[in-house]
Each structure stands twice: as structure tokens, then as C-alpha cells.
Amino acid sequence: MGNFAGDASPSSSKERWNACDHRNDGYWTVTTISWDGGHKHSVTDKGENDGECKLRDDVNIPEEKKVTLTVCLQKGAHGRLKYCKSTTAKA
């Protein structure tokens, strides 16, 4: 699962997002956000099924930009991305 929640607070310019893996099956969850201008950032939950799915707030996306959120599964650190799904939102 991946989440995109926009600005962390009215006074913050950094967006919140995460990757969250709920199964201890050897797959990792990889969440990638991208927006117009060629910017792309990824975060990974390494499949430990530890319930630590905290939203990160480490990317500043210009307001009103269309953001694409893509969530995939990956078998270990070097596995191929599989079962990817994408959606869009606004920063």
C-alpha cells in the first residue's frame, strides 16, 4: 500500500507519503511519486510487516502540481518491480 497526503500542515511545504507492507512474504512495497518537471522520488518498506507505516514528509512539490503515485511489489533489494498500480492527485 502507498499513501499520498499532501502538505504535512498549513505551515509546511513538504508533502506526506509512504510505502507500507502488510505481509511478511518476502516482497517489499515500493512507492514512487513523480510530477511534471521530471522529478521522481521513491521510498521502500522492506516487507517486515512491522506496522511502521508512518507518513514521511521529505519532498516539496510545487502547489497544484499533478502528482503520480505508483505502488509496486519487489522481491528483495534487486528484484524486478511487479504488480504496479498508479493513481494521480494534486499537491
PDB file of N, CA and C in Angstrom:
ATOM      1  N   MET A   1       0.835  -1.160   0.000  1.00  0.00           N
ATOM      2  CA  MET A   1       0.000   0.000   0.000  1.00  0.00           C
ATOM      3  C   MET A   1       0.891   1.238   0.000  1.00  0.00           C
ATOM      4  N   GLY A   2       0.476   2.272  -0.666  1.00  0.00           N
ATOM      5  CA  GLY A   2       1.163   3.550  -0.653  1.00  0.00           C
ATOM      6  C   GLY A   2       0.155   4.657  -0.423  1.00  0.00           C
ATOM      7  N   ASN A   3       0.575   5.710   0.232  1.00  0.00           N
ATOM      8  CA  ASN A   3      -0.307   6.826   0.538  1.00  0.00           C
ATOM      9  C   ASN A   3       0.355   8.142   0.163  1.00  0.00           C
ATOM     10  N   PHE A   4      -0.458   9.087  -0.288  1.00  0.00           N
ATOM     11  CA  PHE A   4      -0.020  10.457  -0.538  1.00  0.00           C
ATOM     12  C   PHE A   4      -1.029  11.356   0.147  1.00  0.00           C
ATOM     13  N   ALA A   5      -0.562  12.210   1.074  1.00  0.00           N
ATOM     14  CA  ALA A   5      -1.496  13.000   1.870  1.00  0.00           C
ATOM     15  C   ALA A   5      -1.282  14.500   1.740  1.00  0.00           C
ATOM     16  N   GLY A   6      -0.503  14.950   0.786  1.00  0.00           N
ATOM     17  CA  GLY A   6      -0.318  16.388   0.603  1.00  0.00           C
ATOM     18  C   GLY A   6       0.515  17.018   1.704  1.00  0.00           C
ATOM     19  N   ASP A   7       0.371  18.333   1.881  1.00  0.00           N
ATOM     20  CA  ASP A   7       1.176  19.071   2.857  1.00  0.00           C
ATOM     21  C   ASP A   7       1.004  18.523   4.268  1.00  0.00           C
ATOM     22  N   ALA A   8       2.117  18.482   4.986  1.00  0.00           N
ATOM     23  CA  ALA A   8       2.114  17.972   6.357  1.00  0.00           C
ATOM     24  C   ALA A   8       1.257  18.836   7.276  1.00  0.00           C
ATOM     25  N   SER A   9       1.240  20.152   7.038  1.00  0.00           N
ATOM     26  CA  SER A   9       0.430  21.082   7.825  1.00  0.00           C
ATOM     27  C   SER A   9       0.301  22.377   7.021  1.00  0.00           C
ATOM     28  N   PRO A  10      -0.580  23.294   7.425  1.00  0.00           N
ATOM     29  CA  PRO A  10      -0.724  24.553   6.682  1.00  0.00           C
ATOM     30  C   PRO A  10       0.572  25.360   6.613  1.00  0.00           C
ATOM     31  N   SER A  11       1.462  25.187   7.567  1.00  0.00           N
ATOM     32  CA  SER A  11       2.718  25.946   7.563  1.00  0.00           C
ATOM     33  C   SER A  11       3.877  25.180   6.926  1.00  0.00           C
ATOM     34  N   SER A  12       3.629  23.956   6.462  1.00  0.00           N
ATOM     35  CA  SER A  12       4.684  23.135   5.867  1.00  0.00           C
ATOM     36  C   SER A  12       4.533  23.103   4.353  1.00  0.00           C
ATOM     37  N   SER A  13       5.646  23.069   3.657  1.00  0.00           N
ATOM     38  CA  SER A  13       5.594  22.960   2.198  1.00  0.00           C
ATOM     39  C   SER A  13       5.985  21.553   1.748  1.00  0.00           C
ATOM     40  N   LYS A  14       6.205  20.660   2.691  1.00  0.00           N
ATOM     41  CA  LYS A  14       6.601  19.297   2.337  1.00  0.00           C
ATOM     42  C   LYS A  14       5.397  18.356   2.359  1.00  0.00           C
ATOM     43  N   GLU A  15       5.309  17.530   1.324  1.00  0.00           N
ATOM     44  CA  GLU A  15       4.213  16.585   1.204  1.00  0.00           C
ATOM     45  C   GLU A  15       4.493  15.316   2.023  1.00  0.00           C
ATOM     46  N   ARG A  16       3.397  14.682   2.476  1.00  0.00           N
ATOM     47  CA  ARG A  16       3.500  13.428   3.224  1.00  0.00           C
ATOM     48  C   ARG A  16       3.137  12.264   2.315  1.00  0.00           C
ATOM     49  N   TRP A  17       3.907  11.174   2.423  1.00  0.00           N
ATOM     50  CA  TRP A  17       3.662   9.984   1.612  1.00  0.00           C
ATOM     51  C   TRP A  17       4.389   8.806   2.241  1.00  0.00           C
ATOM     52  N   ASN A  18       4.052   7.582   1.813  1.00  0.00           N
ATOM     53  CA  ASN A  18       4.725   6.416   2.371  1.00  0.00           C
ATOM     54  C   ASN A  18       4.598   5.188   1.484  1.00  0.00           C
ATOM     55  N   ALA A  19       5.301   4.143   1.912  1.00  0.00           N
ATOM     56  CA  ALA A  19       5.144   2.783   1.407  1.00  0.00           C
ATOM     57  C   ALA A  19       4.835   1.945   2.631  1.00  0.00           C
ATOM     58  N   CYS A  20       3.916   1.006   2.509  1.00  0.00           N
ATOM     59  CA  CYS A  20       3.510   0.224   3.670  1.00  0.00           C
ATOM     60  C   CYS A  20       3.243  -1.217   3.255  1.00  0.00           C
ATOM     61  N   ASP A  21       4.014  -2.138   3.818  1.00  0.00           N
ATOM     62  CA  ASP A  21       3.865  -3.557   3.512  1.00  0.00           C
ATOM     63  C   ASP A  21       3.182  -4.248   4.694  1.00  0.00           C
ATOM     64  N   HIS A  22       2.087  -4.927   4.405  1.00  0.00           N
ATOM     65  CA  HIS A  22       1.311  -5.582   5.462  1.00  0.00           C
ATOM     66  C   HIS A  22       1.549  -7.080   5.550  1.00  0.00           C
ATOM     67  N   ARG A  23       2.367  -7.645   4.654  1.00  0.00           N
ATOM     68  CA  ARG A  23       2.574  -9.097   4.666  1.00  0.00           C
ATOM     69  C   ARG A  23       4.049  -9.442   4.745  1.00  0.00           C
ATOM     70  N   ASN A  24       4.355 -10.427   5.533  1.00  0.00           N
ATOM     71  CA  ASN A  24       5.721 -10.924   5.653  1.00  0.00           C
ATOM     72  C   ASN A  24       5.893 -12.065   4.642  1.00  0.00           C
ATOM     73  N   ASP A  25       5.994 -11.696   3.353  1.00  0.00           N
ATOM     74  CA  ASP A  25       6.022 -12.689   2.279  1.00  0.00           C
ATOM     75  C   ASP A  25       7.264 -12.589   1.393  1.00  0.00           C
ATOM     76  N   GLY A  26       8.251 -11.815   1.811  1.00  0.00           N
ATOM     77  CA  GLY A  26       9.473 -11.674   1.016  1.00  0.00           C
ATOM     78  C   GLY A  26       9.420 -10.546   0.005  1.00  0.00           C
ATOM     79  N   TYR A  27       8.229  -9.998  -0.229  1.00  0.00           N
ATOM     80  CA  TYR A  27       8.111  -8.858  -1.134  1.00  0.00           C
ATOM     81  C   TYR A  27       8.217  -7.562  -0.345  1.00  0.00           C
ATOM     82  N   TRP A  28       8.758  -6.547  -0.971  1.00  0.00           N
ATOM     83  CA  TRP A  28       8.825  -5.204  -0.407  1.00  0.00           C
ATOM     84  C   TRP A  28       7.814  -4.340  -1.143  1.00  0.00           C
ATOM     85  N   THR A  29       7.311  -3.315  -0.496  1.00  0.00           N
ATOM     86  CA  THR A  29       6.455  -2.335  -1.143  1.00  0.00           C
ATOM     87  C   THR A  29       7.306  -1.133  -1.524  1.00  0.00           C
ATOM     88  N   VAL A  30       7.196  -0.708  -2.783  1.00  0.00           N
ATOM     89  CA  VAL A  30       7.934   0.452  -3.275  1.00  0.00           C
ATOM     90  C   VAL A  30       6.916   1.474  -3.763  1.00  0.00           C
ATOM     91  N   THR A  31       6.953   2.661  -3.177  1.00  0.00           N
ATOM     92  CA  THR A  31       6.057   3.742  -3.587  1.00  0.00           C
ATOM     93  C   THR A  31       6.890   4.845  -4.229  1.00  0.00           C
ATOM     94  N   THR A  32       6.514   5.228  -5.425  1.00  0.00           N
ATOM     95  CA  THR A  32       7.213   6.285  -6.164  1.00  0.00           C
ATOM     96  C   THR A  32       6.238   7.421  -6.431  1.00  0.00           C
ATOM     97  N   ILE A  33       6.684   8.653  -6.175  1.00  0.00           N
ATOM     98  CA  ILE A  33       5.905   9.820  -6.558  1.00  0.00           C
ATOM     99  C   ILE A  33       6.689  10.591  -7.611  1.00  0.00           C
ATOM    100  N   SER A  34       5.969  11.107  -8.583  1.00  0.00           N
ATOM    101  CA  SER A  34       6.592  11.908  -9.636  1.00  0.00           C
ATOM    102  C   SER A  34       5.628  13.009 -10.027  1.00  0.00           C
ATOM    103  N   TRP A  35       6.184  14.057 -10.614  1.00  0.00           N
ATOM    104  CA  TRP A  35       5.358  15.169 -11.076  1.00  0.00           C
ATOM    105  C   TRP A  35       6.042  15.853 -12.237  1.00  0.00           C
ATOM    106  N   ASP A  36       5.295  16.684 -12.969  1.00  0.00           N
ATOM    107  CA  ASP A  36       5.813  17.396 -14.136  1.00  0.00           C
ATOM    108  C   ASP A  36       7.120  18.090 -13.801  1.00  0.00           C
ATOM    109  N   GLY A  37       8.047  18.009 -14.702  1.00  0.00           N
ATOM    110  CA  GLY A  37       9.360  18.600 -14.495  1.00  0.00           C
ATOM    111  C   GLY A  37      10.426  17.535 -14.293  1.00  0.00           C
ATOM    112  N   GLY A  38      10.032  16.261 -14.374  1.00  0.00           N
ATOM    113  CA  GLY A  38      10.996  15.174 -14.301  1.00  0.00           C
ATOM    114  C   GLY A  38      11.412  14.763 -12.903  1.00  0.00           C
ATOM    115  N   HIS A  39      10.734  15.241 -11.889  1.00  0.00           N
ATOM    116  CA  HIS A  39      11.087  14.880 -10.523  1.00  0.00           C
ATOM    117  C   HIS A  39      10.483  13.526 -10.165  1.00  0.00           C
ATOM    118  N   LYS A  40      11.267  12.714  -9.449  1.00  0.00           N
ATOM    119  CA  LYS A  40      10.811  11.384  -9.073  1.00  0.00           C
ATOM    120  C   LYS A  40      11.514  10.969  -7.785  1.00  0.00           C
ATOM    121  N   HIS A  41      10.737  10.489  -6.813  1.00  0.00           N
ATOM    122  CA  HIS A  41      11.284  10.040  -5.534  1.00  0.00           C
ATOM    123  C   HIS A  41      10.617   8.729  -5.154  1.00  0.00           C
ATOM    124  N   SER A  42      11.391   7.816  -4.555  1.00  0.00           N
ATOM    125  CA  SER A  42      10.845   6.533  -4.125  1.00  0.00           C
ATOM    126  C   SER A  42      11.160   6.281  -2.659  1.00  0.00           C
ATOM    127  N   VAL A  43      10.291   5.500  -2.030  1.00  0.00           N
ATOM    128  CA  VAL A  43      10.504   5.041  -0.662  1.00  0.00           C
ATOM    129  C   VAL A  43      10.087   3.565  -0.620  1.00  0.00           C
ATOM    130  N   THR A  44      10.766   2.790   0.228  1.00  0.00           N
ATOM    131  CA  THR A  44      10.530   1.354   0.292  1.00  0.00           C
ATOM    132  C   THR A  44      10.237   0.916   1.721  1.00  0.00           C
ATOM    133  N   ASP A  45       9.243   0.021   1.867  1.00  0.00           N
ATOM    134  CA  ASP A  45       9.023  -0.683   3.124  1.00  0.00           C
ATOM    135  C   ASP A  45       9.502  -2.102   2.865  1.00  0.00           C
ATOM    136  N   LYS A  46      10.485  -2.546   3.597  1.00  0.00           N
ATOM    137  CA  LYS A  46      11.196  -3.781   3.287  1.00  0.00           C
ATOM    138  C   LYS A  46      10.475  -5.067   3.676  1.00  0.00           C
ATOM    139  N   GLY A  47       9.170  -5.022   3.791  1.00  0.00           N
ATOM    140  CA  GLY A  47       8.400  -6.249   3.968  1.00  0.00           C
ATOM    141  C   GLY A  47       8.520  -6.890   5.325  1.00  0.00           C
ATOM    142  N   GLU A  48       8.830  -6.107   6.330  1.00  0.00           N
ATOM    143  CA  GLU A  48       8.979  -6.676   7.661  1.00  0.00           C
ATOM    144  C   GLU A  48       7.650  -6.811   8.385  1.00  0.00           C
ATOM    145  N   ASN A  49       6.581  -6.293   7.785  1.00  0.00           N
ATOM    146  CA  ASN A  49       5.251  -6.381   8.366  1.00  0.00           C
ATOM    147  C   ASN A  49       5.264  -5.941   9.827  1.00  0.00           C
ATOM    148  N   ASP A  50       5.929  -4.821  10.087  1.00  0.00           N
ATOM    149  CA  ASP A  50       6.098  -4.360  11.464  1.00  0.00           C
ATOM    150  C   ASP A  50       5.091  -3.288  11.877  1.00  0.00           C
ATOM    151  N   GLY A  51       4.182  -2.950  10.988  1.00  0.00           N
ATOM    152  CA  GLY A  51       3.173  -1.955  11.305  1.00  0.00           C
ATOM    153  C   GLY A  51       3.683  -0.520  11.305  1.00  0.00           C
ATOM    154  N   GLU A  52       4.931  -0.317  10.924  1.00  0.00           N
ATOM    155  CA  GLU A  52       5.525   1.024  10.892  1.00  0.00           C
ATOM    156  C   GLU A  52       5.271   1.657   9.531  1.00  0.00           C
ATOM    157  N   CYS A  53       4.112   2.192   9.356  1.00  0.00           N
ATOM    158  CA  CYS A  53       3.715   2.776   8.074  1.00  0.00           C
ATOM    159  C   CYS A  53       3.543   4.282   8.219  1.00  0.00           C
ATOM    160  N   LYS A  54       4.485   4.912   8.847  1.00  0.00           N
ATOM    161  CA  LYS A  54       4.406   6.343   9.106  1.00  0.00           C
ATOM    162  C   LYS A  54       4.524   7.138   7.815  1.00  0.00           C
ATOM    163  N   LEU A  55       3.756   8.211   7.736  1.00  0.00           N
ATOM    164  CA  LEU A  55       3.864   9.104   6.592  1.00  0.00           C
ATOM    165  C   LEU A  55       5.156   9.895   6.695  1.00  0.00           C
ATOM    166  N   ARG A  56       5.921   9.940   5.615  1.00  0.00           N
ATOM    167  CA  ARG A  56       7.146  10.734   5.547  1.00  0.00           C
ATOM    168  C   ARG A  56       6.785  12.121   5.038  1.00  0.00           C
ATOM    169  N   ASP A  57       7.538  13.126   5.399  1.00  0.00           N
ATOM    170  CA  ASP A  57       7.306  14.470   4.869  1.00  0.00           C
ATOM    171  C   ASP A  57       8.642  15.069   4.455  1.00  0.00           C
ATOM    172  N   ASP A  58       9.168  14.529   3.363  1.00  0.00           N
ATOM    173  CA  ASP A  58      10.519  14.898   2.957  1.00  0.00           C
ATOM    174  C   ASP A  58      10.639  15.377   1.517  1.00  0.00           C
ATOM    175  N   VAL A  59       9.532  15.628   0.857  1.00  0.00           N
ATOM    176  CA  VAL A  59       9.570  16.085  -0.534  1.00  0.00           C
ATOM    177  C   VAL A  59       8.697  17.324  -0.660  1.00  0.00           C
ATOM    178  N   ASN A  60       9.240  18.373  -1.266  1.00  0.00           N
ATOM    179  CA  ASN A  60       8.469  19.584  -1.500  1.00  0.00           C
ATOM    180  C   ASN A  60       8.041  19.618  -2.962  1.00  0.00           C
ATOM    181  N   ILE A  61       6.754  19.508  -3.193  1.00  0.00           N
ATOM    182  CA  ILE A  61       6.198  19.530  -4.540  1.00  0.00           C
ATOM    183  C   ILE A  61       5.472  20.859  -4.712  1.00  0.00           C
ATOM    184  N   PRO A  62       5.723  21.580  -5.801  1.00  0.00           N
ATOM    185  CA  PRO A  62       5.031  22.860  -6.012  1.00  0.00           C
ATOM    186  C   PRO A  62       3.511  22.688  -5.955  1.00  0.00           C
ATOM    187  N   GLU A  63       2.852  23.643  -5.325  1.00  0.00           N
ATOM    188  CA  GLU A  63       1.401  23.583  -5.166  1.00  0.00           C
ATOM    189  C   GLU A  63       0.691  23.451  -6.511  1.00  0.00           C
ATOM    190  N   GLU A  64      -0.388  22.688  -6.486  1.00  0.00           N
ATOM    191  CA  GLU A  64      -1.272  22.454  -7.625  1.00  0.00           C
ATOM    192  C   GLU A  64      -0.663  21.571  -8.718  1.00  0.00           C
ATOM    193  N   LYS A  65       0.542  21.046  -8.506  1.00  0.00           N
ATOM    194  CA  LYS A  65       1.133  20.127  -9.487  1.00  0.00           C
ATOM    195  C   LYS A  65       0.394  18.800  -9.441  1.00  0.00           C
ATOM    196  N   LYS A  66       0.200  18.200 -10.608  1.00  0.00           N
ATOM    197  CA  LYS A  66      -0.375  16.868 -10.694  1.00  0.00           C
ATOM    198  C   LYS A  66       0.716  15.876 -10.288  1.00  0.00           C
ATOM    199  N   VAL A  67       0.419  15.053  -9.308  1.00  0.00           N
ATOM    200  CA  VAL A  67       1.363  14.086  -8.772  1.00  0.00           C
ATOM    201  C   VAL A  67       0.891  12.687  -9.163  1.00  0.00           C
ATOM    202  N   THR A  68       1.815  11.846  -9.626  1.00  0.00           N
ATOM    203  CA  THR A  68       1.509  10.454  -9.908  1.00  0.00           C
ATOM    204  C   THR A  68       2.134   9.597  -8.813  1.00  0.00           C
ATOM    205  N   LEU A  69       1.317   8.769  -8.189  1.00  0.00           N
ATOM    206  CA  LEU A  69       1.747   7.858  -7.140  1.00  0.00           C
ATOM    207  C   LEU A  69       1.687   6.448  -7.721  1.00  0.00           C
ATOM    208  N   THR A  70       2.816   5.743  -7.717  1.00  0.00           N
ATOM    209  CA  THR A  70       2.877   4.384  -8.231  1.00  0.00           C
ATOM    210  C   THR A  70       3.358   3.469  -7.110  1.00  0.00           C
ATOM    211  N   VAL A  71       2.613   2.385  -6.883  1.00  0.00           N
ATOM    212  CA  VAL A  71       2.951   1.420  -5.840  1.00  0.00           C
ATOM    213  C   VAL A  71       3.188   0.073  -6.507  1.00  0.00           C
ATOM    214  N   CYS A  72       4.330  -0.550  -6.154  1.00  0.00           N
ATOM    215  CA  CYS A  72       4.708  -1.837  -6.726  1.00  0.00           C
ATOM    216  C   CYS A  72       5.187  -2.781  -5.630  1.00  0.00           C
ATOM    217  N   LEU A  73       5.267  -4.054  -5.964  1.00  0.00           N
ATOM    218  CA  LEU A  73       5.932  -5.030  -5.112  1.00  0.00           C
ATOM    219  C   LEU A  73       7.271  -5.375  -5.735  1.00  0.00           C
ATOM    220  N   GLN A  74       8.255  -5.678  -4.888  1.00  0.00           N
ATOM    221  CA  GLN A  74       9.601  -6.007  -5.343  1.00  0.00           C
ATOM    222  C   GLN A  74      10.119  -7.140  -4.463  1.00  0.00           C
ATOM    223  N   LYS A  75      10.647  -8.193  -5.068  1.00  0.00           N
ATOM    224  CA  LYS A  75      11.199  -9.328  -4.325  1.00  0.00           C
ATOM    225  C   LYS A  75      12.624  -8.994  -3.919  1.00  0.00           C
ATOM    226  N   GLY A  76      12.832  -8.533  -2.681  1.00  0.00           N
ATOM    227  CA  GLY A  76      14.163  -8.186  -2.192  1.00  0.00           C
ATOM    228  C   GLY A  76      14.699  -6.914  -2.829  1.00  0.00           C
ATOM    229  N   ALA A  77      15.949  -6.626  -2.511  1.00  0.00           N
ATOM    230  CA  ALA A  77      16.567  -5.358  -2.929  1.00  0.00           C
ATOM    231  C   ALA A  77      16.754  -5.221  -4.430  1.00  0.00           C
ATOM    232  N   HIS A  78      16.940  -6.328  -5.135  1.00  0.00           N
ATOM    233  CA  HIS A  78      17.273  -6.240  -6.561  1.00  0.00           C
ATOM    234  C   HIS A  78      16.214  -6.873  -7.460  1.00  0.00           C
ATOM    235  N   GLY A  79      15.071  -7.199  -6.898  1.00  0.00           N
ATOM    236  CA  GLY A  79      14.022  -7.812  -7.695  1.00  0.00           C
ATOM    237  C   GLY A  79      13.381  -6.832  -8.655  1.00  0.00           C
ATOM    238  N   ARG A  80      12.749  -7.380  -9.665  1.00  0.00           N
ATOM    239  CA  ARG A  80      12.026  -6.574 -10.643  1.00  0.00           C
ATOM    240  C   ARG A  80      10.734  -6.070 -10.015  1.00  0.00           C
ATOM    241  N   LEU A  81      10.342  -4.838 -10.336  1.00  0.00           N
ATOM    242  CA  LEU A  81       9.076  -4.296  -9.845  1.00  0.00           C
ATOM    243  C   LEU A  81       7.922  -5.032 -10.506  1.00  0.00           C
ATOM    244  N   LYS A  82       6.932  -5.461  -9.698  1.00  0.00           N
ATOM    245  CA  LYS A  82       5.802  -6.234 -10.194  1.00  0.00           C
ATOM    246  C   LYS A  82       4.503  -5.685  -9.629  1.00  0.00           C
ATOM    247  N   TYR A  83       3.413  -6.013 -10.286  1.00  0.00           N
ATOM    248  CA  TYR A  83       2.069  -5.701  -9.813  1.00  0.00           C
ATOM    249  C   TYR A  83       1.883  -4.209  -9.528  1.00  0.00           C
ATOM    250  N   CYS A  84       2.423  -3.360 -10.374  1.00  0.00           N
ATOM    251  CA  CYS A  84       2.374  -1.905 -10.153  1.00  0.00           C
ATOM    252  C   CYS A  84       0.987  -1.337 -10.470  1.00  0.00           C
ATOM    253  N   LYS A  85       0.579  -0.394  -9.650  1.00  0.00           N
ATOM    254  CA  LYS A  85      -0.664   0.355  -9.857  1.00  0.00           C
ATOM    255  C   LYS A  85      -0.360   1.826  -9.641  1.00  0.00           C
ATOM    256  N   SER A  86      -0.995   2.682 -10.440  1.00  0.00           N
ATOM    257  CA  SER A  86      -0.768   4.133 -10.338  1.00  0.00           C
ATOM    258  C   SER A  86      -2.077   4.890 -10.186  1.00  0.00           C
ATOM    259  N   THR A  87      -1.970   6.043  -9.565  1.00  0.00           N
ATOM    260  CA  THR A  87      -3.095   6.971  -9.444  1.00  0.00           C
ATOM    261  C   THR A  87      -2.523   8.389  -9.413  1.00  0.00           C
ATOM    262  N   THR A  88      -3.385   9.385  -9.537  1.00  0.00           N
ATOM    263  CA  THR A  88      -2.919  10.769  -9.525  1.00  0.00           C
ATOM    264  C   THR A  88      -3.621  11.560  -8.428  1.00  0.00           C
ATOM    265  N   ALA A  89      -2.974  12.647  -8.011  1.00  0.00           N
ATOM    266  CA  ALA A  89      -3.505  13.561  -7.006  1.00  0.00           C
ATOM    267  C   ALA A  89      -2.893  14.930  -7.257  1.00  0.00           C
ATOM    268  N   LYS A  90      -3.294  15.927  -6.486  1.00  0.00           N
ATOM    269  CA  LYS A  90      -2.715  17.266  -6.582  1.00  0.00           C
ATOM    270  C   LYS A  90      -1.964  17.599  -5.311  1.00  0.00           C
ATOM    271  N   ALA A  91      -0.825  18.255  -5.496  1.00  0.00           N
ATOM    272  CA  ALA A  91      -0.024  18.693  -4.339  1.00  0.00           C
ATOM    273  C   ALA A  91      -0.682  19.894  -3.702  1.00  0.00           C
TER     274      ALA A  91
END
